[in-house]
């Protein structure tokens, strides 16, 4: 699976999946500004993938 690094569609989808802290919402909408933001965005992406997988499994049942 290849990743397009400039693809932000997952961020919009993730914003609608659950409630987020103000800082996480700003990061998802505005993008990274430093190493700490990059780390946090990576963490959020892993959480998004986990939640997306759970949603897909629930839809199949």
PDB file of N, CA and C in Angstrom:
ATOM      1  N   UNK A   1       0.840  -1.175   0.000  1.00  0.00           N
ATOM      2  CA  UNK A   1       0.000   0.000   0.000  1.00  0.00           C
ATOM      3  C   UNK A   1       0.888   1.243   0.000  1.00  0.00           C
ATOM      4  N   UNK A   2       0.658   2.121  -0.907  1.00  0.00           N
ATOM      5  CA  UNK A   2       1.447   3.350  -0.962  1.00  0.00           C
ATOM      6  C   UNK A   2       0.681   4.481  -0.295  1.00  0.00           C
ATOM      7  N   UNK A   3       1.424   5.414   0.268  1.00  0.00           N
ATOM      8  CA  UNK A   3       0.827   6.536   0.971  1.00  0.00           C
ATOM      9  C   UNK A   3       1.145   7.816   0.241  1.00  0.00           C
ATOM     10  N   UNK A   4       0.125   8.619  -0.016  1.00  0.00           N
ATOM     11  CA  UNK A   4       0.338   9.952  -0.563  1.00  0.00           C
ATOM     12  C   UNK A   4       0.474  10.891   0.617  1.00  0.00           C
ATOM     13  N   UNK A   5       1.631  11.474   0.784  1.00  0.00           N
ATOM     14  CA  UNK A   5       1.911  12.280   1.965  1.00  0.00           C
ATOM     15  C   UNK A   5       1.128  13.585   1.997  1.00  0.00           C
ATOM     16  N   UNK A   6       0.643  14.020   0.864  1.00  0.00           N
ATOM     17  CA  UNK A   6      -0.131  15.264   0.847  1.00  0.00           C
ATOM     18  C   UNK A   6      -1.643  15.015   0.877  1.00  0.00           C
ATOM     19  N   UNK A   7      -2.056  13.757   1.037  1.00  0.00           N
ATOM     20  CA  UNK A   7      -3.474  13.407   1.106  1.00  0.00           C
ATOM     21  C   UNK A   7      -4.012  13.738   2.495  1.00  0.00           C
ATOM     22  N   UNK A   8      -4.959  14.678   2.568  1.00  0.00           N
ATOM     23  CA  UNK A   8      -5.515  15.105   3.851  1.00  0.00           C
ATOM     24  C   UNK A   8      -6.955  14.651   4.037  1.00  0.00           C
ATOM     25  N   UNK A   9      -7.440  13.788   3.157  1.00  0.00           N
ATOM     26  CA  UNK A   9      -8.835  13.354   3.262  1.00  0.00           C
ATOM     27  C   UNK A   9      -9.090  12.585   4.550  1.00  0.00           C
ATOM     28  N   UNK A  10      -8.099  11.848   5.037  1.00  0.00           N
ATOM     29  CA  UNK A  10      -8.278  11.104   6.276  1.00  0.00           C
ATOM     30  C   UNK A  10      -8.482  12.052   7.458  1.00  0.00           C
ATOM     31  N   UNK A  11      -7.865  13.220   7.394  1.00  0.00           N
ATOM     32  CA  UNK A  11      -7.974  14.173   8.500  1.00  0.00           C
ATOM     33  C   UNK A  11      -9.394  14.700   8.613  1.00  0.00           C
ATOM     34  N   UNK A  12     -10.020  15.019   7.504  1.00  0.00           N
ATOM     35  CA  UNK A  12     -11.405  15.488   7.519  1.00  0.00           C
ATOM     36  C   UNK A  12     -12.334  14.385   8.012  1.00  0.00           C
ATOM     37  N   UNK A  13     -12.092  13.173   7.558  1.00  0.00           N
ATOM     38  CA  UNK A  13     -12.893  12.033   7.980  1.00  0.00           C
ATOM     39  C   UNK A  13     -12.734  11.804   9.487  1.00  0.00           C
ATOM     40  N   UNK A  14     -11.511  11.893   9.983  1.00  0.00           N
ATOM     41  CA  UNK A  14     -11.229  11.664  11.394  1.00  0.00           C
ATOM     42  C   UNK A  14     -11.851  12.741  12.279  1.00  0.00           C
ATOM     43  N   UNK A  15     -11.914  13.965  11.802  1.00  0.00           N
ATOM     44  CA  UNK A  15     -12.552  15.036  12.568  1.00  0.00           C
ATOM     45  C   UNK A  15     -14.029  14.731  12.826  1.00  0.00           C
ATOM     46  N   UNK A  16     -14.665  14.044  11.900  1.00  0.00           N
ATOM     47  CA  UNK A  16     -16.085  13.713  12.028  1.00  0.00           C
ATOM     48  C   UNK A  16     -16.335  12.414  12.788  1.00  0.00           C
ATOM     49  N   UNK A  17     -15.291  11.642  13.054  1.00  0.00           N
ATOM     50  CA  UNK A  17     -15.448  10.345  13.708  1.00  0.00           C
ATOM     51  C   UNK A  17     -15.651  10.458  15.213  1.00  0.00           C
ATOM     52  N   UNK A  18     -15.026  11.430  15.834  1.00  0.00           N
ATOM     53  CA  UNK A  18     -15.081  11.562  17.286  1.00  0.00           C
ATOM     54  C   UNK A  18     -14.751  12.995  17.673  1.00  0.00           C
ATOM     55  N   UNK A  19     -14.934  13.302  18.940  1.00  0.00           N
ATOM     56  CA  UNK A  19     -14.572  14.651  19.393  1.00  0.00           C
ATOM     57  C   UNK A  19     -13.062  14.703  19.653  1.00  0.00           C
ATOM     58  N   UNK A  20     -12.501  15.868  19.424  1.00  0.00           N
ATOM     59  CA  UNK A  20     -11.058  16.064  19.574  1.00  0.00           C
ATOM     60  C   UNK A  20     -10.785  17.275  20.453  1.00  0.00           C
ATOM     61  N   UNK A  21      -9.600  17.279  21.039  1.00  0.00           N
ATOM     62  CA  UNK A  21      -9.188  18.473  21.783  1.00  0.00           C
ATOM     63  C   UNK A  21      -8.983  19.607  20.782  1.00  0.00           C
ATOM     64  N   UNK A  22      -9.002  20.816  21.274  1.00  0.00           N
ATOM     65  CA  UNK A  22      -8.816  21.969  20.403  1.00  0.00           C
ATOM     66  C   UNK A  22      -7.472  21.912  19.681  1.00  0.00           C
ATOM     67  N   UNK A  23      -6.424  21.519  20.393  1.00  0.00           N
ATOM     68  CA  UNK A  23      -5.096  21.457  19.769  1.00  0.00           C
ATOM     69  C   UNK A  23      -5.033  20.383  18.683  1.00  0.00           C
ATOM     70  N   UNK A  24      -5.671  19.235  18.910  1.00  0.00           N
ATOM     71  CA  UNK A  24      -5.691  18.189  17.883  1.00  0.00           C
ATOM     72  C   UNK A  24      -6.509  18.624  16.675  1.00  0.00           C
ATOM     73  N   UNK A  25      -7.632  19.298  16.910  1.00  0.00           N
ATOM     74  CA  UNK A  25      -8.464  19.778  15.797  1.00  0.00           C
ATOM     75  C   UNK A  25      -7.691  20.794  14.952  1.00  0.00           C
ATOM     76  N   UNK A  26      -6.980  21.695  15.612  1.00  0.00           N
ATOM     77  CA  UNK A  26      -6.168  22.670  14.869  1.00  0.00           C
ATOM     78  C   UNK A  26      -5.087  21.978  14.052  1.00  0.00           C
ATOM     79  N   UNK A  27      -4.472  20.964  14.644  1.00  0.00           N
ATOM     80  CA  UNK A  27      -3.425  20.218  13.941  1.00  0.00           C
ATOM     81  C   UNK A  27      -3.995  19.497  12.720  1.00  0.00           C
ATOM     82  N   UNK A  28      -5.154  18.874  12.893  1.00  0.00           N
ATOM     83  CA  UNK A  28      -5.773  18.153  11.775  1.00  0.00           C
ATOM     84  C   UNK A  28      -6.203  19.097  10.657  1.00  0.00           C
ATOM     85  N   UNK A  29      -6.634  20.294  11.004  1.00  0.00           N
ATOM     86  CA  UNK A  29      -7.083  21.253   9.991  1.00  0.00           C
ATOM     87  C   UNK A  29      -5.925  22.066   9.407  1.00  0.00           C
ATOM     88  N   UNK A  30      -4.957  22.421  10.239  1.00  0.00           N
ATOM     89  CA  UNK A  30      -3.914  23.341   9.804  1.00  0.00           C
ATOM     90  C   UNK A  30      -2.613  22.719   9.368  1.00  0.00           C
ATOM     91  N   UNK A  31      -2.336  21.509   9.818  1.00  0.00           N
ATOM     92  CA  UNK A  31      -1.095  20.855   9.452  1.00  0.00           C
ATOM     93  C   UNK A  31       0.003  21.075  10.479  1.00  0.00           C
ATOM     94  N   UNK A  32       1.141  20.479  10.200  1.00  0.00           N
ATOM     95  CA  UNK A  32       2.246  20.489  11.159  1.00  0.00           C
ATOM     96  C   UNK A  32       3.088  21.752  11.048  1.00  0.00           C
ATOM     97  N   UNK A  33       3.690  22.103  12.178  1.00  0.00           N
ATOM     98  CA  UNK A  33       4.573  23.261  12.225  1.00  0.00           C
ATOM     99  C   UNK A  33       5.930  22.915  12.838  1.00  0.00           C
ATOM    100  N   UNK A  34       6.090  21.677  13.260  1.00  0.00           N
ATOM    101  CA  UNK A  34       7.349  21.268  13.861  1.00  0.00           C
ATOM    102  C   UNK A  34       7.369  19.773  14.124  1.00  0.00           C
ATOM    103  N   UNK A  35       8.437  19.315  14.748  1.00  0.00           N
ATOM    104  CA  UNK A  35       8.624  17.888  15.005  1.00  0.00           C
ATOM    105  C   UNK A  35       7.547  17.336  15.941  1.00  0.00           C
ATOM    106  N   UNK A  36       7.203  18.086  16.971  1.00  0.00           N
ATOM    107  CA  UNK A  36       6.180  17.638  17.916  1.00  0.00           C
ATOM    108  C   UNK A  36       4.842  17.444  17.207  1.00  0.00           C
ATOM    109  N   UNK A  37       4.495  18.371  16.336  1.00  0.00           N
ATOM    110  CA  UNK A  37       3.249  18.260  15.568  1.00  0.00           C
ATOM    111  C   UNK A  37       3.279  17.043  14.648  1.00  0.00           C
ATOM    112  N   UNK A  38       4.419  16.788  14.033  1.00  0.00           N
ATOM    113  CA  UNK A  38       4.544  15.640  13.135  1.00  0.00           C
ATOM    114  C   UNK A  38       4.343  14.338  13.901  1.00  0.00           C
ATOM    115  N   UNK A  39       4.922  14.269  15.092  1.00  0.00           N
ATOM    116  CA  UNK A  39       4.763  13.084  15.924  1.00  0.00           C
ATOM    117  C   UNK A  39       3.297  12.898  16.300  1.00  0.00           C
ATOM    118  N   UNK A  40       2.652  13.967  16.729  1.00  0.00           N
ATOM    119  CA  UNK A  40       1.257  13.899  17.153  1.00  0.00           C
ATOM    120  C   UNK A  40       0.340  13.529  15.984  1.00  0.00           C
ATOM    121  N   UNK A  41       0.600  14.095  14.814  1.00  0.00           N
ATOM    122  CA  UNK A  41      -0.215  13.786  13.639  1.00  0.00           C
ATOM    123  C   UNK A  41      -0.054  12.310  13.266  1.00  0.00           C
ATOM    124  N   UNK A  42       1.155  11.785  13.390  1.00  0.00           N
ATOM    125  CA  UNK A  42       1.368  10.362  13.145  1.00  0.00           C
ATOM    126  C   UNK A  42       0.578   9.502  14.108  1.00  0.00           C
ATOM    127  N   UNK A  43       0.564   9.892  15.383  1.00  0.00           N
ATOM    128  CA  UNK A  43      -0.211   9.181  16.392  1.00  0.00           C
ATOM    129  C   UNK A  43      -1.697   9.225  16.059  1.00  0.00           C
ATOM    130  N   UNK A  44      -2.187  10.397  15.656  1.00  0.00           N
ATOM    131  CA  UNK A  44      -3.595  10.544  15.302  1.00  0.00           C
ATOM    132  C   UNK A  44      -3.952   9.692  14.084  1.00  0.00           C
ATOM    133  N   UNK A  45      -3.030   9.572  13.141  1.00  0.00           N
ATOM    134  CA  UNK A  45      -3.282   8.757  11.953  1.00  0.00           C
ATOM    135  C   UNK A  45      -3.412   7.281  12.318  1.00  0.00           C
ATOM    136  N   UNK A  46      -2.588   6.818  13.237  1.00  0.00           N
ATOM    137  CA  UNK A  46      -2.691   5.430  13.694  1.00  0.00           C
ATOM    138  C   UNK A  46      -4.036   5.207  14.385  1.00  0.00           C
ATOM    139  N   UNK A  47      -4.459   6.158  15.203  1.00  0.00           N
ATOM    140  CA  UNK A  47      -5.754   6.063  15.868  1.00  0.00           C
ATOM    141  C   UNK A  47      -6.885   6.062  14.836  1.00  0.00           C
ATOM    142  N   UNK A  48      -6.770   6.894  13.811  1.00  0.00           N
ATOM    143  CA  UNK A  48      -7.764   6.932  12.740  1.00  0.00           C
ATOM    144  C   UNK A  48      -7.872   5.566  12.058  1.00  0.00           C
ATOM    145  N   UNK A  49      -6.728   4.970  11.720  1.00  0.00           N
ATOM    146  CA  UNK A  49      -6.744   3.668  11.051  1.00  0.00           C
ATOM    147  C   UNK A  49      -7.397   2.607  11.926  1.00  0.00           C
ATOM    148  N   UNK A  50      -7.141   2.649  13.224  1.00  0.00           N
ATOM    149  CA  UNK A  50      -7.729   1.691  14.156  1.00  0.00           C
ATOM    150  C   UNK A  50      -9.253   1.861  14.212  1.00  0.00           C
ATOM    151  N   UNK A  51      -9.719   3.102  14.335  1.00  0.00           N
ATOM    152  CA  UNK A  51     -11.159   3.359  14.386  1.00  0.00           C
ATOM    153  C   UNK A  51     -11.846   3.011  13.067  1.00  0.00           C
ATOM    154  N   UNK A  52     -11.186   3.291  11.960  1.00  0.00           N
ATOM    155  CA  UNK A  52     -11.741   2.980  10.634  1.00  0.00           C
ATOM    156  C   UNK A  52     -11.911   1.471  10.472  1.00  0.00           C
ATOM    157  N   UNK A  53     -10.936   0.714  10.950  1.00  0.00           N
ATOM    158  CA  UNK A  53     -11.010  -0.745  10.863  1.00  0.00           C
ATOM    159  C   UNK A  53     -12.166  -1.270  11.707  1.00  0.00           C
ATOM    160  N   UNK A  54     -12.349  -0.710  12.897  1.00  0.00           N
ATOM    161  CA  UNK A  54     -13.452  -1.116  13.763  1.00  0.00           C
ATOM    162  C   UNK A  54     -14.790  -0.806  13.096  1.00  0.00           C
ATOM    163  N   UNK A  55     -14.910   0.382  12.479  1.00  0.00           N
ATOM    164  CA  UNK A  55     -16.152   0.764  11.791  1.00  0.00           C
ATOM    165  C   UNK A  55     -16.455  -0.201  10.648  1.00  0.00           C
ATOM    166  N   UNK A  56     -15.432  -0.548   9.879  1.00  0.00           N
ATOM    167  CA  UNK A  56     -15.633  -1.453   8.743  1.00  0.00           C
ATOM    168  C   UNK A  56     -16.047  -2.835   9.212  1.00  0.00           C
ATOM    169  N   UNK A  57     -15.471  -3.303  10.315  1.00  0.00           N
ATOM    170  CA  UNK A  57     -15.845  -4.618  10.847  1.00  0.00           C
ATOM    171  C   UNK A  57     -17.292  -4.604  11.341  1.00  0.00           C
ATOM    172  N   UNK A  58     -17.726  -3.508  11.963  1.00  0.00           N
ATOM    173  CA  UNK A  58     -19.099  -3.403  12.439  1.00  0.00           C
ATOM    174  C   UNK A  58     -20.087  -3.341  11.286  1.00  0.00           C
ATOM    175  N   UNK A  59     -19.712  -2.720  10.185  1.00  0.00           N
ATOM    176  CA  UNK A  59     -20.608  -2.636   9.031  1.00  0.00           C
ATOM    177  C   UNK A  59     -20.767  -3.983   8.353  1.00  0.00           C
ATOM    178  N   UNK A  60     -19.760  -4.840   8.437  1.00  0.00           N
ATOM    179  CA  UNK A  60     -19.832  -6.144   7.795  1.00  0.00           C
ATOM    180  C   UNK A  60     -20.713  -7.107   8.565  1.00  0.00           C
ATOM    181  N   UNK A  61     -20.950  -6.837   9.832  1.00  0.00           N
ATOM    182  CA  UNK A  61     -21.761  -7.745  10.651  1.00  0.00           C
ATOM    183  C   UNK A  61     -23.229  -7.498  10.484  1.00  0.00           C
TER     184      UNK A  61
END
